[in-house]
Amino acid sequence: MNEYEDILYDSLFSLIDGLLEPPEDLDTIQVANENTFLFIQDNVSCYKAHKVLEFLAENHVPLMDWPSQSPNLNPLKNL
């Protein structure tokens, strides 16, 4: 597993698991479910490597289509 996959596995999956965890309080409304998530990553070559895309597909992580070479569409870079 490469470093990016390790980050995804340790951080992304634990975040998703925490959000999907059923609420302890019966009066709390759960708004997240397995259909809520769409993972966004730009087209940096290490993110688009076949091994990484295969890893995300095996773990059922849906990806948003992202146009190539479009840093102006990245909300973080505009901040």
C-alpha atoms as a PDB file:
ATOM      1  CA  MET A   1       0.000   0.000   0.000  1.00  0.00           C
ATOM      2  CA  ASN A   2       1.435   3.406  -0.857  1.00  0.00           C
ATOM      3  CA  GLU A   3       1.447   6.463   1.399  1.00  0.00           C
ATOM      4  CA  TYR A   4      -1.673   8.036  -0.169  1.00  0.00           C
ATOM      5  CA  GLU A   5      -3.639   4.812   0.300  1.00  0.00           C
ATOM      6  CA  ASP A   6      -2.494   4.717   3.932  1.00  0.00           C
ATOM      7  CA  ILE A   7      -3.796   8.256   4.444  1.00  0.00           C
ATOM      8  CA  LEU A   8      -7.121   7.388   2.839  1.00  0.00           C
ATOM      9  CA  TYR A   9      -7.442   4.192   4.827  1.00  0.00           C
ATOM     10  CA  ASP A  10      -6.554   5.775   8.174  1.00  0.00           C
ATOM     11  CA  SER A  11      -8.303   9.137   7.788  1.00  0.00           C
ATOM     12  CA  LEU A  12     -11.070   8.998   5.196  1.00  0.00           C
ATOM     13  CA  PHE A  13     -12.509   5.649   6.194  1.00  0.00           C
ATOM     14  CA  SER A  14     -12.483   6.441   9.918  1.00  0.00           C
ATOM     15  CA  LEU A  15     -14.259   9.752   9.179  1.00  0.00           C
ATOM     16  CA  ILE A  16     -16.905   8.008   7.090  1.00  0.00           C
ATOM     17  CA  ASP A  17     -17.361   5.282   9.704  1.00  0.00           C
ATOM     18  CA  GLY A  18     -17.819   7.942  12.393  1.00  0.00           C
ATOM     19  CA  LEU A  19     -20.406   9.830  10.361  1.00  0.00           C
ATOM     20  CA  LEU A  20     -22.352   6.673   9.542  1.00  0.00           C
ATOM     21  CA  GLU A  21     -22.357   5.469  13.145  1.00  0.00           C
ATOM     22  CA  PRO A  22     -25.932   5.296  14.453  1.00  0.00           C
ATOM     23  CA  PRO A  23     -26.720   8.036  16.982  1.00  0.00           C
ATOM     24  CA  GLU A  24     -26.804   7.003  20.639  1.00  0.00           C
ATOM     25  CA  ASP A  25     -29.651   9.379  21.441  1.00  0.00           C
ATOM     26  CA  LEU A  26     -32.951   8.170  20.002  1.00  0.00           C
ATOM     27  CA  ASP A  27     -34.072  11.784  19.516  1.00  0.00           C
ATOM     28  CA  THR A  28     -31.108  12.526  17.229  1.00  0.00           C
ATOM     29  CA  ILE A  29     -31.766  12.383  13.501  1.00  0.00           C
ATOM     30  CA  GLN A  30     -29.122  10.642  11.408  1.00  0.00           C
ATOM     31  CA  VAL A  31     -28.635  12.551   8.159  1.00  0.00           C
ATOM     32  CA  ALA A  32     -25.700  10.640   6.691  1.00  0.00           C
ATOM     33  CA  ASN A  33     -26.007   7.264   5.007  1.00  0.00           C
ATOM     34  CA  GLU A  34     -23.912   5.219   2.603  1.00  0.00           C
ATOM     35  CA  ASN A  35     -25.309   7.239  -0.349  1.00  0.00           C
ATOM     36  CA  THR A  36     -24.313  10.625   1.124  1.00  0.00           C
ATOM     37  CA  PHE A  37     -20.645  10.613   0.161  1.00  0.00           C
ATOM     38  CA  LEU A  38     -18.891  11.690  -2.998  1.00  0.00           C
ATOM     39  CA  PHE A  39     -15.111  11.885  -2.735  1.00  0.00           C
ATOM     40  CA  ILE A  40     -13.444  14.789  -4.542  1.00  0.00           C
ATOM     41  CA  GLN A  41      -9.819  14.753  -5.606  1.00  0.00           C
ATOM     42  CA  ASP A  42      -8.128  16.595  -8.423  1.00  0.00           C
ATOM     43  CA  ASN A  43      -6.251  14.904 -11.247  1.00  0.00           C
ATOM     44  CA  VAL A  44      -2.787  14.864  -9.700  1.00  0.00           C
ATOM     45  CA  SER A  45      -1.077  11.786 -11.116  1.00  0.00           C
ATOM     46  CA  CYS A  46      -0.527  10.122  -7.717  1.00  0.00           C
ATOM     47  CA  TYR A  47      -4.273  10.397  -6.987  1.00  0.00           C
ATOM     48  CA  LYS A  48      -5.231   8.981 -10.377  1.00  0.00           C
ATOM     49  CA  ALA A  49      -2.803   6.073 -10.347  1.00  0.00           C
ATOM     50  CA  HIS A  50      -4.442   2.803 -11.331  1.00  0.00           C
ATOM     51  CA  LYS A  51      -3.589   1.261  -7.964  1.00  0.00           C
ATOM     52  CA  VAL A  52      -5.259   4.147  -6.065  1.00  0.00           C
ATOM     53  CA  LEU A  53      -8.386   4.107  -8.238  1.00  0.00           C
ATOM     54  CA  GLU A  54      -8.591   0.343  -7.812  1.00  0.00           C
ATOM     55  CA  PHE A  55      -8.232   0.739  -4.034  1.00  0.00           C
ATOM     56  CA  LEU A  56     -11.079   3.291  -3.937  1.00  0.00           C
ATOM     57  CA  ALA A  57     -13.308   1.106  -6.122  1.00  0.00           C
ATOM     58  CA  GLU A  58     -12.671  -1.961  -3.946  1.00  0.00           C
ATOM     59  CA  ASN A  59     -13.701   0.072  -0.903  1.00  0.00           C
ATOM     60  CA  HIS A  60     -16.808   1.469  -2.644  1.00  0.00           C
ATOM     61  CA  VAL A  61     -15.708   5.113  -2.482  1.00  0.00           C
ATOM     62  CA  PRO A  62     -17.586   7.109  -5.148  1.00  0.00           C
ATOM     63  CA  LEU A  63     -15.472   9.699  -6.974  1.00  0.00           C
ATOM     64  CA  MET A  64     -16.595  12.977  -8.463  1.00  0.00           C
ATOM     65  CA  ASP A  65     -15.527  13.457 -12.091  1.00  0.00           C
ATOM     66  CA  TRP A  66     -12.923  16.189 -12.199  1.00  0.00           C
ATOM     67  CA  PRO A  67     -11.714  18.009 -15.313  1.00  0.00           C
ATOM     68  CA  SER A  68      -7.994  17.715 -15.937  1.00  0.00           C
ATOM     69  CA  GLN A  69      -5.706  20.690 -15.249  1.00  0.00           C
ATOM     70  CA  SER A  70      -8.363  22.836 -13.582  1.00  0.00           C
ATOM     71  CA  PRO A  71      -6.871  24.284 -10.386  1.00  0.00           C
ATOM     72  CA  ASN A  72      -9.333  27.194 -10.594  1.00  0.00           C
ATOM     73  CA  LEU A  73     -12.154  24.713  -9.848  1.00  0.00           C
ATOM     74  CA  ASN A  74     -10.463  23.518  -6.671  1.00  0.00           C
ATOM     75  CA  PRO A  75     -12.289  25.273  -3.777  1.00  0.00           C
ATOM     76  CA  LEU A  76      -9.271  24.952  -1.469  1.00  0.00           C
ATOM     77  CA  LYS A  77      -6.877  26.684  -3.870  1.00  0.00           C
ATOM     78  CA  ASN A  78      -9.298  29.607  -4.197  1.00  0.00           C
ATOM     79  CA  LEU A  79      -9.251  30.167  -0.429  1.00  0.00           C
END
